[in-house]
């Protein structure tokens, strides 16, 4: 995995770096989002907030991968389809177990505008009986949208939990058009999708 510790010598962008941490904001119709990098690796993605004002940001450099990621997020929050290649993004996966890496790979494969159940995702990852552990991993997902855990719902159609809250999960599914559909695709199987935002 490529690490961009020399980001300040790359193409210009908006960001501020302190002690090896780069905070890179981007603006969307929902407010300012934030990408946080440490030693060249993505460690957190904070969903847009209207109260976040990056007025103290300075002109700094950023590598192409950060700029491309920010552009994809702007596209996504503008309501246009966007896909994220997690193998091309320098994400910090240190401490992840083989189980968590498998779940992340299966999660990244769920297409824009579609949903899967927790059980279906567990099966896709090769851990068919570990759907509760799958849910626990996604509840701590530090990269929402980039790793699209909002596309994983309950088998009964309820939205289930989300690391950024049920309100954001419903909003993201509406943005992708999922909640305007009567059914969701899950390989060769489908099930009803309701707009119940109650957490598990």
N, C-alpha and C. Protein backbone atom coordinates (compact mmCIF):
# COMPACT_ATOMS: atom_id res chain seq x y z
N UNK A 1 0.84 -1.19 0.00
CA UNK A 1 0.00 0.00 0.00
C UNK A 1 0.88 1.25 0.00
N UNK A 2 0.55 2.18 -0.89
CA UNK A 2 1.35 3.39 -0.99
C UNK A 2 0.97 4.38 0.10
N UNK A 3 1.94 4.92 0.77
CA UNK A 3 1.71 5.90 1.83
C UNK A 3 2.27 7.24 1.38
N UNK A 4 1.46 8.30 1.50
CA UNK A 4 1.86 9.61 0.99
C UNK A 4 2.34 10.51 2.12
N UNK A 5 3.49 10.18 2.69
CA UNK A 5 4.03 11.00 3.77
C UNK A 5 4.61 12.30 3.24
N UNK A 6 4.84 12.39 1.93
CA UNK A 6 5.39 13.62 1.34
C UNK A 6 4.29 14.40 0.62
N UNK A 7 3.09 14.36 1.19
CA UNK A 7 1.95 15.01 0.55
C UNK A 7 2.18 16.48 0.27
N UNK A 8 3.01 17.16 1.08
CA UNK A 8 3.18 18.60 0.93
C UNK A 8 3.99 18.96 -0.30
N UNK A 9 4.51 17.96 -1.01
CA UNK A 9 5.25 18.27 -2.22
C UNK A 9 4.46 17.85 -3.46
N UNK A 10 3.16 17.61 -3.28
CA UNK A 10 2.33 17.17 -4.39
C UNK A 10 1.47 18.34 -4.88
N UNK A 11 0.43 17.98 -5.67
CA UNK A 11 -0.43 18.99 -6.27
C UNK A 11 -1.15 19.80 -5.20
N UNK A 12 -1.45 21.09 -5.47
CA UNK A 12 -2.08 21.93 -4.46
C UNK A 12 -3.51 21.52 -4.17
N UNK A 13 -3.92 21.77 -2.91
CA UNK A 13 -5.28 21.49 -2.47
C UNK A 13 -5.50 22.25 -1.18
N UNK A 14 -6.69 22.14 -0.62
CA UNK A 14 -6.98 22.80 0.65
C UNK A 14 -6.82 21.80 1.78
N UNK A 15 -6.02 22.13 2.78
CA UNK A 15 -5.84 21.22 3.90
C UNK A 15 -4.89 21.83 4.90
N UNK A 16 -4.83 21.24 6.07
CA UNK A 16 -3.91 21.70 7.09
C UNK A 16 -3.32 20.48 7.77
N UNK A 17 -2.02 20.49 7.95
CA UNK A 17 -1.33 19.34 8.54
C UNK A 17 -0.68 19.75 9.86
N UNK A 18 -0.84 18.91 10.87
CA UNK A 18 -0.24 19.14 12.18
C UNK A 18 0.32 17.82 12.67
N UNK A 19 1.62 17.78 12.93
CA UNK A 19 2.27 16.60 13.51
C UNK A 19 1.92 15.32 12.75
N UNK A 20 2.06 15.37 11.42
CA UNK A 20 1.82 14.18 10.62
C UNK A 20 0.38 13.89 10.33
N UNK A 21 -0.55 14.74 10.79
CA UNK A 21 -1.98 14.54 10.54
C UNK A 21 -2.47 15.58 9.54
N UNK A 22 -3.07 15.13 8.46
CA UNK A 22 -3.63 16.01 7.45
C UNK A 22 -5.14 16.00 7.56
N UNK A 23 -5.74 17.16 7.75
CA UNK A 23 -7.19 17.31 7.78
C UNK A 23 -7.60 17.99 6.49
N UNK A 24 -8.33 17.26 5.65
CA UNK A 24 -8.65 17.74 4.31
C UNK A 24 -10.17 17.90 4.18
N UNK A 25 -10.66 19.14 4.15
CA UNK A 25 -12.11 19.36 4.05
C UNK A 25 -12.59 19.37 2.60
N UNK A 26 -13.87 19.09 2.43
CA UNK A 26 -14.51 19.23 1.12
C UNK A 26 -15.92 19.73 1.36
N UNK A 27 -16.45 20.46 0.39
CA UNK A 27 -17.76 21.07 0.57
C UNK A 27 -18.81 20.36 -0.27
N UNK A 28 -20.00 20.17 0.32
CA UNK A 28 -21.11 19.49 -0.33
C UNK A 28 -22.40 20.27 -0.05
N UNK A 29 -23.50 19.90 -0.68
CA UNK A 29 -24.78 20.54 -0.36
C UNK A 29 -25.21 20.30 1.09
N UNK A 30 -24.60 19.32 1.77
CA UNK A 30 -24.94 19.01 3.17
C UNK A 30 -24.00 19.71 4.16
N UNK A 31 -23.04 20.46 3.66
CA UNK A 31 -22.06 21.10 4.52
C UNK A 31 -20.66 20.61 4.22
N UNK A 32 -19.75 20.83 5.16
CA UNK A 32 -18.35 20.44 4.97
C UNK A 32 -18.10 19.05 5.52
N UNK A 33 -17.52 18.19 4.68
CA UNK A 33 -17.04 16.90 5.12
C UNK A 33 -15.56 16.99 5.43
N UNK A 34 -15.02 15.95 6.02
CA UNK A 34 -13.61 16.01 6.42
C UNK A 34 -12.95 14.64 6.27
N UNK A 35 -11.82 14.62 5.59
CA UNK A 35 -10.96 13.44 5.50
C UNK A 35 -9.77 13.66 6.41
N UNK A 36 -9.45 12.68 7.22
CA UNK A 36 -8.34 12.80 8.16
C UNK A 36 -7.30 11.73 7.82
N UNK A 37 -6.08 12.18 7.55
CA UNK A 37 -4.98 11.28 7.24
C UNK A 37 -3.91 11.39 8.32
N UNK A 38 -3.31 10.26 8.65
CA UNK A 38 -2.17 10.25 9.57
C UNK A 38 -1.04 9.48 8.91
N UNK A 39 0.10 10.15 8.80
CA UNK A 39 1.26 9.54 8.14
C UNK A 39 0.92 8.99 6.77
N UNK A 40 0.09 9.73 6.06
CA UNK A 40 -0.24 9.37 4.69
C UNK A 40 -1.36 8.38 4.52
N UNK A 41 -1.95 7.88 5.61
CA UNK A 41 -3.02 6.91 5.52
C UNK A 41 -4.33 7.49 6.04
N UNK A 42 -5.41 7.19 5.35
CA UNK A 42 -6.74 7.65 5.78
C UNK A 42 -7.13 6.94 7.07
N UNK A 43 -7.41 7.72 8.12
CA UNK A 43 -7.80 7.13 9.40
C UNK A 43 -9.25 7.43 9.76
N UNK A 44 -9.86 8.42 9.10
CA UNK A 44 -11.25 8.75 9.42
C UNK A 44 -11.88 9.56 8.29
N UNK A 45 -13.17 9.35 8.11
CA UNK A 45 -13.98 10.19 7.23
C UNK A 45 -15.16 10.67 8.04
N UNK A 46 -15.29 11.99 8.15
CA UNK A 46 -16.39 12.58 8.89
C UNK A 46 -17.41 13.12 7.91
N UNK A 47 -18.65 12.68 8.06
CA UNK A 47 -19.69 13.10 7.15
C UNK A 47 -19.94 14.60 7.25
N UNK A 48 -20.49 15.19 6.19
CA UNK A 48 -20.67 16.64 6.17
C UNK A 48 -21.50 17.18 7.32
N UNK A 49 -21.11 18.37 7.79
CA UNK A 49 -21.85 19.09 8.82
C UNK A 49 -21.92 20.55 8.41
N UNK A 50 -23.07 21.16 8.58
CA UNK A 50 -23.20 22.58 8.23
C UNK A 50 -22.47 23.48 9.23
N UNK A 51 -22.30 22.98 10.47
CA UNK A 51 -21.65 23.82 11.47
C UNK A 51 -20.12 23.77 11.37
N UNK A 52 -19.60 22.82 10.56
CA UNK A 52 -18.15 22.74 10.42
C UNK A 52 -17.69 23.78 9.41
N UNK A 53 -16.92 24.74 9.86
CA UNK A 53 -16.45 25.82 9.01
C UNK A 53 -14.92 25.80 8.94
N UNK A 54 -14.35 25.37 7.83
CA UNK A 54 -12.89 25.28 7.73
C UNK A 54 -12.25 26.63 7.40
N UNK A 55 -12.61 27.68 8.16
CA UNK A 55 -12.11 29.01 7.87
C UNK A 55 -10.61 29.15 8.16
N UNK A 56 -10.08 28.23 8.99
CA UNK A 56 -8.67 28.33 9.33
C UNK A 56 -7.80 27.46 8.43
N UNK A 57 -8.39 26.89 7.37
CA UNK A 57 -7.61 26.04 6.49
C UNK A 57 -6.63 26.87 5.68
N UNK A 58 -5.49 26.31 5.44
CA UNK A 58 -4.45 26.98 4.69
C UNK A 58 -4.23 26.25 3.37
N UNK A 59 -3.67 26.96 2.39
CA UNK A 59 -3.31 26.31 1.14
C UNK A 59 -2.12 25.42 1.40
N UNK A 60 -2.31 24.14 1.06
CA UNK A 60 -1.23 23.17 1.25
C UNK A 60 -1.25 22.21 0.08
N UNK A 61 -0.40 21.22 0.10
CA UNK A 61 -0.36 20.26 -0.99
C UNK A 61 -1.10 19.00 -0.59
N UNK A 62 -1.50 18.24 -1.57
CA UNK A 62 -2.15 16.96 -1.33
C UNK A 62 -1.90 16.08 -2.54
N UNK A 63 -1.67 14.81 -2.33
CA UNK A 63 -1.45 13.91 -3.46
C UNK A 63 -2.73 13.69 -4.25
N UNK A 64 -2.56 13.20 -5.45
CA UNK A 64 -3.70 13.03 -6.35
C UNK A 64 -4.77 12.12 -5.75
N UNK A 65 -4.37 11.09 -4.98
CA UNK A 65 -5.37 10.17 -4.44
C UNK A 65 -6.32 10.87 -3.47
N UNK A 66 -5.81 11.84 -2.70
CA UNK A 66 -6.68 12.58 -1.78
C UNK A 66 -7.62 13.49 -2.55
N UNK A 67 -7.08 14.18 -3.54
CA UNK A 67 -7.92 15.06 -4.35
C UNK A 67 -9.00 14.27 -5.07
N UNK A 68 -8.64 13.11 -5.63
CA UNK A 68 -9.62 12.28 -6.33
C UNK A 68 -10.69 11.76 -5.38
N UNK A 69 -10.29 11.37 -4.18
CA UNK A 69 -11.25 10.89 -3.19
C UNK A 69 -12.22 12.00 -2.81
N UNK A 70 -11.70 13.20 -2.58
CA UNK A 70 -12.56 14.33 -2.23
C UNK A 70 -13.53 14.64 -3.37
N UNK A 71 -13.05 14.58 -4.61
CA UNK A 71 -13.93 14.84 -5.75
C UNK A 71 -15.04 13.80 -5.85
N UNK A 72 -14.71 12.54 -5.57
CA UNK A 72 -15.73 11.49 -5.59
C UNK A 72 -16.78 11.72 -4.51
N UNK A 73 -16.35 12.16 -3.34
CA UNK A 73 -17.29 12.42 -2.25
C UNK A 73 -18.20 13.60 -2.58
N UNK A 74 -17.63 14.64 -3.20
CA UNK A 74 -18.45 15.77 -3.63
C UNK A 74 -19.48 15.30 -4.65
N UNK A 75 -19.04 14.48 -5.58
CA UNK A 75 -19.97 13.93 -6.58
C UNK A 75 -21.07 13.13 -5.90
N UNK A 76 -20.69 12.28 -4.95
CA UNK A 76 -21.66 11.44 -4.25
C UNK A 76 -22.71 12.27 -3.53
N UNK A 77 -22.26 13.25 -2.74
CA UNK A 77 -23.21 14.04 -1.96
C UNK A 77 -23.99 15.03 -2.81
N UNK A 78 -23.63 15.15 -4.08
CA UNK A 78 -24.41 15.95 -5.02
C UNK A 78 -25.50 15.11 -5.67
N UNK A 79 -25.59 13.83 -5.28
CA UNK A 79 -26.64 12.97 -5.77
C UNK A 79 -26.30 12.21 -7.04
N UNK A 80 -25.02 12.18 -7.39
CA UNK A 80 -24.59 11.44 -8.58
C UNK A 80 -23.87 10.16 -8.17
N UNK A 81 -24.07 9.07 -8.92
CA UNK A 81 -23.42 7.81 -8.56
C UNK A 81 -21.90 7.94 -8.48
N UNK A 82 -21.32 7.32 -7.47
CA UNK A 82 -19.87 7.32 -7.29
C UNK A 82 -19.48 6.00 -6.66
N UNK A 83 -18.38 5.45 -7.09
CA UNK A 83 -17.87 4.21 -6.51
C UNK A 83 -16.46 4.45 -6.00
N UNK A 84 -16.11 3.74 -4.93
CA UNK A 84 -14.83 3.95 -4.26
C UNK A 84 -14.03 2.64 -4.29
N UNK A 85 -12.86 2.72 -4.90
CA UNK A 85 -11.97 1.56 -4.98
C UNK A 85 -11.11 1.53 -3.72
N UNK A 86 -11.48 0.68 -2.77
CA UNK A 86 -10.79 0.71 -1.48
C UNK A 86 -9.35 0.22 -1.60
N UNK A 87 -9.04 -0.51 -2.67
CA UNK A 87 -7.66 -0.95 -2.86
C UNK A 87 -6.77 0.19 -3.33
N UNK A 88 -7.38 1.21 -3.95
CA UNK A 88 -6.62 2.35 -4.45
C UNK A 88 -6.53 3.48 -3.43
N UNK A 89 -7.31 3.37 -2.35
CA UNK A 89 -7.31 4.42 -1.31
C UNK A 89 -6.37 4.00 -0.19
N UNK A 90 -5.42 4.84 0.19
CA UNK A 90 -4.48 4.47 1.26
C UNK A 90 -5.13 4.51 2.64
N UNK A 91 -5.97 3.51 2.92
CA UNK A 91 -6.70 3.44 4.17
C UNK A 91 -5.87 2.75 5.24
N UNK A 92 -5.98 3.21 6.46
CA UNK A 92 -5.28 2.58 7.58
C UNK A 92 -6.07 1.34 8.02
N UNK A 93 -5.54 0.17 7.68
CA UNK A 93 -6.19 -1.09 8.05
C UNK A 93 -5.42 -1.79 9.16
N UNK A 94 -4.51 -1.09 9.79
CA UNK A 94 -3.71 -1.72 10.84
C UNK A 94 -4.63 -2.20 11.96
N UNK A 95 -4.42 -3.39 12.42
CA UNK A 95 -5.25 -3.95 13.47
C UNK A 95 -6.47 -4.69 12.96
N UNK A 96 -6.76 -4.61 11.67
CA UNK A 96 -7.89 -5.34 11.13
C UNK A 96 -7.57 -6.83 11.07
N UNK A 97 -8.51 -7.64 11.44
CA UNK A 97 -8.37 -9.09 11.36
C UNK A 97 -8.72 -9.56 9.95
N UNK A 98 -8.36 -10.80 9.60
CA UNK A 98 -8.81 -11.33 8.31
C UNK A 98 -10.33 -11.28 8.15
N UNK A 99 -11.06 -11.51 9.24
CA UNK A 99 -12.52 -11.40 9.19
C UNK A 99 -12.95 -9.99 8.80
N UNK A 100 -12.38 -8.98 9.44
CA UNK A 100 -12.75 -7.60 9.15
C UNK A 100 -12.37 -7.20 7.73
N UNK A 101 -11.22 -7.66 7.26
CA UNK A 101 -10.82 -7.36 5.88
C UNK A 101 -11.77 -8.01 4.89
N UNK A 102 -12.21 -9.24 5.20
CA UNK A 102 -13.15 -9.91 4.32
C UNK A 102 -14.49 -9.21 4.27
N UNK A 103 -14.96 -8.76 5.43
CA UNK A 103 -16.23 -8.04 5.49
C UNK A 103 -16.12 -6.72 4.73
N UNK A 104 -15.01 -6.01 4.90
CA UNK A 104 -14.81 -4.74 4.20
C UNK A 104 -14.81 -4.94 2.69
N UNK A 105 -14.17 -5.99 2.21
CA UNK A 105 -14.14 -6.27 0.77
C UNK A 105 -15.54 -6.58 0.25
N UNK A 106 -16.30 -7.39 0.99
CA UNK A 106 -17.67 -7.71 0.57
C UNK A 106 -18.56 -6.48 0.61
N UNK A 107 -18.36 -5.64 1.61
CA UNK A 107 -19.14 -4.42 1.75
C UNK A 107 -18.87 -3.47 0.58
N UNK A 108 -17.60 -3.33 0.21
CA UNK A 108 -17.24 -2.43 -0.89
C UNK A 108 -17.83 -2.89 -2.22
N UNK A 109 -18.19 -4.16 -2.32
CA UNK A 109 -18.72 -4.71 -3.56
C UNK A 109 -20.23 -4.48 -3.71
N UNK A 110 -20.89 -3.97 -2.67
CA UNK A 110 -22.33 -3.70 -2.78
C UNK A 110 -22.51 -2.45 -3.63
N UNK A 111 -23.19 -2.54 -4.77
CA UNK A 111 -23.26 -1.40 -5.69
C UNK A 111 -24.07 -0.22 -5.17
N UNK A 112 -23.76 0.93 -5.71
CA UNK A 112 -24.54 2.14 -5.47
C UNK A 112 -26.00 1.88 -5.80
N UNK A 113 -26.91 2.32 -4.92
CA UNK A 113 -28.33 2.19 -5.19
C UNK A 113 -28.92 0.84 -4.84
N UNK A 114 -28.12 -0.07 -4.26
CA UNK A 114 -28.62 -1.38 -3.86
C UNK A 114 -28.37 -1.59 -2.37
N UNK A 115 -29.09 -2.54 -1.80
CA UNK A 115 -28.91 -2.87 -0.39
C UNK A 115 -28.73 -4.38 -0.24
N UNK A 116 -28.18 -4.77 0.91
CA UNK A 116 -28.06 -6.17 1.29
C UNK A 116 -28.45 -6.26 2.77
N UNK A 117 -28.83 -7.44 3.21
CA UNK A 117 -29.09 -7.65 4.62
C UNK A 117 -27.77 -7.99 5.32
N UNK A 118 -27.78 -7.90 6.64
CA UNK A 118 -26.58 -8.27 7.40
C UNK A 118 -26.20 -9.73 7.14
N UNK A 119 -27.22 -10.60 7.07
CA UNK A 119 -26.95 -12.02 6.83
C UNK A 119 -26.37 -12.25 5.44
N UNK A 120 -26.89 -11.53 4.46
CA UNK A 120 -26.38 -11.66 3.09
C UNK A 120 -24.94 -11.18 2.99
N UNK A 121 -24.62 -10.10 3.68
CA UNK A 121 -23.25 -9.61 3.66
C UNK A 121 -22.31 -10.61 4.32
N UNK A 122 -22.75 -11.16 5.45
CA UNK A 122 -21.92 -12.16 6.14
C UNK A 122 -21.65 -13.35 5.23
N UNK A 123 -22.67 -13.78 4.50
CA UNK A 123 -22.49 -14.91 3.59
C UNK A 123 -21.54 -14.55 2.46
N UNK A 124 -21.67 -13.33 1.92
CA UNK A 124 -20.78 -12.90 0.84
C UNK A 124 -19.33 -12.84 1.30
N UNK A 125 -19.13 -12.51 2.56
CA UNK A 125 -17.77 -12.41 3.11
C UNK A 125 -17.21 -13.78 3.48
N UNK A 126 -18.06 -14.81 3.42
CA UNK A 126 -17.60 -16.15 3.77
C UNK A 126 -17.79 -16.52 5.22
N UNK A 127 -18.62 -15.75 5.93
CA UNK A 127 -18.88 -16.01 7.35
C UNK A 127 -20.39 -16.02 7.57
N UNK A 128 -21.06 -17.03 7.04
CA UNK A 128 -22.51 -17.02 6.97
C UNK A 128 -23.21 -16.95 8.32
N UNK A 129 -22.55 -17.41 9.39
CA UNK A 129 -23.19 -17.41 10.70
C UNK A 129 -22.76 -16.22 11.57
N UNK A 130 -21.99 -15.32 11.01
CA UNK A 130 -21.41 -14.25 11.82
C UNK A 130 -22.05 -12.89 11.54
N UNK A 131 -23.36 -12.88 11.26
CA UNK A 131 -23.98 -11.62 10.89
C UNK A 131 -23.98 -10.61 12.03
N UNK A 132 -24.02 -11.08 13.27
CA UNK A 132 -23.96 -10.13 14.40
C UNK A 132 -22.57 -9.49 14.47
N UNK A 133 -21.54 -10.28 14.27
CA UNK A 133 -20.18 -9.73 14.27
C UNK A 133 -19.98 -8.77 13.11
N UNK A 134 -20.62 -9.06 11.98
CA UNK A 134 -20.58 -8.15 10.84
C UNK A 134 -21.20 -6.81 11.22
N UNK A 135 -22.34 -6.85 11.89
CA UNK A 135 -22.99 -5.61 12.32
C UNK A 135 -22.14 -4.83 13.30
N UNK A 136 -21.45 -5.52 14.20
CA UNK A 136 -20.60 -4.84 15.18
C UNK A 136 -19.42 -4.15 14.49
N UNK A 137 -18.84 -4.81 13.50
CA UNK A 137 -17.73 -4.21 12.76
C UNK A 137 -18.19 -2.94 12.05
N UNK A 138 -19.35 -3.00 11.40
CA UNK A 138 -19.82 -1.84 10.65
C UNK A 138 -20.25 -0.70 11.57
N UNK A 139 -20.69 -1.01 12.78
CA UNK A 139 -21.08 0.04 13.71
C UNK A 139 -19.88 0.90 14.11
N UNK A 140 -18.67 0.37 13.92
CA UNK A 140 -17.45 1.13 14.24
C UNK A 140 -16.69 1.55 12.99
N UNK A 141 -17.37 1.50 11.85
CA UNK A 141 -16.75 1.84 10.58
C UNK A 141 -16.25 3.29 10.59
N UNK A 142 -14.92 3.52 10.47
CA UNK A 142 -14.41 4.89 10.47
C UNK A 142 -14.48 5.56 9.11
N UNK A 143 -14.94 4.82 8.08
CA UNK A 143 -14.95 5.35 6.72
C UNK A 143 -16.35 5.29 6.10
N UNK A 144 -17.38 5.88 6.74
CA UNK A 144 -18.72 5.81 6.17
C UNK A 144 -18.76 6.37 4.75
N UNK A 145 -19.63 5.81 3.94
CA UNK A 145 -19.81 6.08 2.51
C UNK A 145 -18.69 5.44 1.70
N UNK A 146 -17.43 5.66 2.08
CA UNK A 146 -16.32 5.03 1.37
C UNK A 146 -16.43 3.52 1.51
N UNK A 147 -16.67 3.06 2.73
CA UNK A 147 -17.11 1.68 2.98
C UNK A 147 -18.61 1.79 3.26
N UNK A 148 -19.46 1.41 2.30
CA UNK A 148 -20.88 1.79 2.35
C UNK A 148 -21.74 0.94 3.29
N UNK A 149 -21.47 1.03 4.59
CA UNK A 149 -22.24 0.24 5.55
C UNK A 149 -23.69 0.70 5.61
N UNK A 150 -24.01 1.90 5.09
CA UNK A 150 -25.40 2.35 5.07
C UNK A 150 -26.26 1.50 4.15
N UNK A 151 -25.64 0.74 3.25
CA UNK A 151 -26.40 -0.10 2.32
C UNK A 151 -26.78 -1.46 2.91
N UNK A 152 -26.40 -1.68 4.16
CA UNK A 152 -26.72 -2.94 4.82
C UNK A 152 -27.89 -2.71 5.77
N UNK A 153 -28.96 -3.46 5.56
CA UNK A 153 -30.19 -3.26 6.32
C UNK A 153 -30.61 -4.58 6.96
N UNK A 154 -31.65 -4.52 7.79
CA UNK A 154 -32.18 -5.72 8.41
C UNK A 154 -32.90 -6.57 7.38
N UNK A 155 -32.97 -7.87 7.63
CA UNK A 155 -33.65 -8.77 6.71
C UNK A 155 -35.15 -8.51 6.65
N UNK A 156 -35.71 -7.87 7.69
CA UNK A 156 -37.13 -7.55 7.68
C UNK A 156 -37.42 -6.19 7.04
N UNK A 157 -36.39 -5.54 6.52
CA UNK A 157 -36.57 -4.26 5.84
C UNK A 157 -36.26 -3.05 6.69
N UNK A 158 -36.08 -3.22 8.00
CA UNK A 158 -35.70 -2.10 8.86
C UNK A 158 -34.30 -1.62 8.53
N UNK A 159 -34.02 -0.37 8.81
CA UNK A 159 -32.72 0.18 8.42
C UNK A 159 -31.57 -0.34 9.26
N UNK A 160 -31.78 -0.60 10.53
CA UNK A 160 -30.69 -1.07 11.37
C UNK A 160 -29.78 0.07 11.81
N UNK A 161 -28.66 -0.31 12.41
CA UNK A 161 -27.74 0.68 12.98
C UNK A 161 -26.85 1.31 11.91
N UNK A 162 -26.24 2.44 12.29
CA UNK A 162 -25.29 3.12 11.41
C UNK A 162 -24.35 3.92 12.29
N UNK A 163 -23.06 3.92 11.93
CA UNK A 163 -22.06 4.57 12.78
C UNK A 163 -22.32 6.07 12.96
N UNK A 164 -22.95 6.70 11.97
CA UNK A 164 -23.22 8.14 12.05
C UNK A 164 -24.65 8.44 12.46
N UNK A 165 -25.42 7.41 12.82
CA UNK A 165 -26.79 7.62 13.26
C UNK A 165 -27.81 7.21 12.21
N UNK A 166 -29.00 6.82 12.68
CA UNK A 166 -30.05 6.34 11.78
C UNK A 166 -30.53 7.42 10.82
N UNK A 167 -30.50 8.69 11.26
CA UNK A 167 -30.92 9.76 10.38
C UNK A 167 -30.05 9.87 9.14
N UNK A 168 -28.74 9.76 9.34
CA UNK A 168 -27.82 9.80 8.19
C UNK A 168 -28.02 8.59 7.31
N UNK A 169 -28.25 7.42 7.88
CA UNK A 169 -28.43 6.22 7.07
C UNK A 169 -29.64 6.38 6.15
N UNK A 170 -30.73 6.86 6.70
CA UNK A 170 -31.93 7.08 5.89
C UNK A 170 -31.65 8.12 4.79
N UNK A 171 -30.94 9.17 5.14
CA UNK A 171 -30.64 10.23 4.18
C UNK A 171 -29.78 9.70 3.02
N UNK A 172 -28.78 8.88 3.34
CA UNK A 172 -27.90 8.33 2.30
C UNK A 172 -28.65 7.36 1.39
N UNK A 173 -29.52 6.54 1.98
CA UNK A 173 -30.30 5.62 1.16
C UNK A 173 -31.28 6.37 0.27
N UNK A 174 -31.84 7.46 0.77
CA UNK A 174 -32.71 8.30 -0.06
C UNK A 174 -31.90 8.95 -1.18
N UNK A 175 -30.70 9.39 -0.88
CA UNK A 175 -29.84 10.02 -1.88
C UNK A 175 -29.56 9.05 -3.03
N UNK A 176 -29.40 7.77 -2.71
CA UNK A 176 -29.11 6.76 -3.73
C UNK A 176 -30.37 6.20 -4.39
N UNK A 177 -31.53 6.62 -3.92
CA UNK A 177 -32.78 6.16 -4.50
C UNK A 177 -33.28 4.85 -3.95
N UNK A 178 -32.65 4.31 -2.91
CA UNK A 178 -33.05 3.01 -2.37
C UNK A 178 -34.43 3.04 -1.75
N UNK A 179 -34.78 4.11 -1.06
CA UNK A 179 -36.05 4.16 -0.34
C UNK A 179 -37.22 4.53 -1.23
N UNK A 180 -36.94 4.75 -2.51
CA UNK A 180 -38.04 4.98 -3.45
C UNK A 180 -38.41 3.68 -4.17
N UNK A 181 -37.69 2.61 -3.83
CA UNK A 181 -37.95 1.33 -4.46
C UNK A 181 -38.76 0.45 -3.50
N UNK A 182 -39.58 -0.43 -4.06
CA UNK A 182 -40.37 -1.35 -3.24
C UNK A 182 -39.55 -2.56 -2.83
N UNK A 183 -38.49 -2.85 -3.61
CA UNK A 183 -37.69 -4.03 -3.33
C UNK A 183 -36.24 -3.70 -3.55
N UNK A 184 -35.34 -4.48 -2.92
CA UNK A 184 -33.92 -4.25 -3.13
C UNK A 184 -33.30 -5.52 -3.68
N UNK A 185 -32.24 -5.34 -4.43
CA UNK A 185 -31.57 -6.47 -5.04
C UNK A 185 -30.57 -7.05 -4.07
N UNK A 186 -30.49 -8.37 -4.03
CA UNK A 186 -29.51 -9.06 -3.20
C UNK A 186 -29.14 -10.34 -3.92
N UNK A 187 -28.32 -10.19 -4.95
CA UNK A 187 -27.98 -11.31 -5.79
C UNK A 187 -29.24 -11.72 -6.53
N UNK A 188 -29.65 -12.98 -6.38
CA UNK A 188 -30.85 -13.48 -7.04
C UNK A 188 -32.07 -13.35 -6.15
N UNK A 189 -31.88 -12.81 -4.90
CA UNK A 189 -32.98 -12.72 -3.95
C UNK A 189 -33.37 -11.28 -3.71
N UNK A 190 -34.63 -11.06 -3.34
CA UNK A 190 -35.10 -9.73 -2.99
C UNK A 190 -35.92 -9.81 -1.73
N UNK A 191 -36.04 -8.67 -1.04
CA UNK A 191 -36.93 -8.59 0.13
C UNK A 191 -37.44 -7.18 0.26
N UNK A 192 -38.53 -7.00 0.97
CA UNK A 192 -39.14 -5.68 1.09
C UNK A 192 -38.24 -4.73 1.83
N UNK A 193 -38.25 -3.49 1.41
CA UNK A 193 -37.47 -2.44 2.08
C UNK A 193 -38.42 -1.39 2.61
N UNK A 194 -38.48 -1.26 3.93
CA UNK A 194 -39.33 -0.28 4.58
C UNK A 194 -38.49 0.89 5.02
N UNK A 195 -39.11 1.98 5.34
CA UNK A 195 -38.41 3.18 5.75
C UNK A 195 -38.34 3.33 7.25
N UNK A 196 -38.47 2.24 7.98
CA UNK A 196 -38.34 2.27 9.45
C UNK A 196 -36.91 2.55 9.83
N UNK A 197 -36.65 3.64 10.54
CA UNK A 197 -35.27 4.01 10.89
C UNK A 197 -34.89 3.61 12.30
N UNK A 198 -35.65 2.69 12.91
CA UNK A 198 -35.33 2.26 14.28
C UNK A 198 -34.06 1.45 14.31
N UNK A 199 -33.15 1.76 15.25
CA UNK A 199 -31.91 1.01 15.39
C UNK A 199 -32.18 -0.37 15.94
N UNK A 200 -31.21 -1.28 15.68
CA UNK A 200 -31.28 -2.60 16.28
C UNK A 200 -31.01 -2.49 17.77
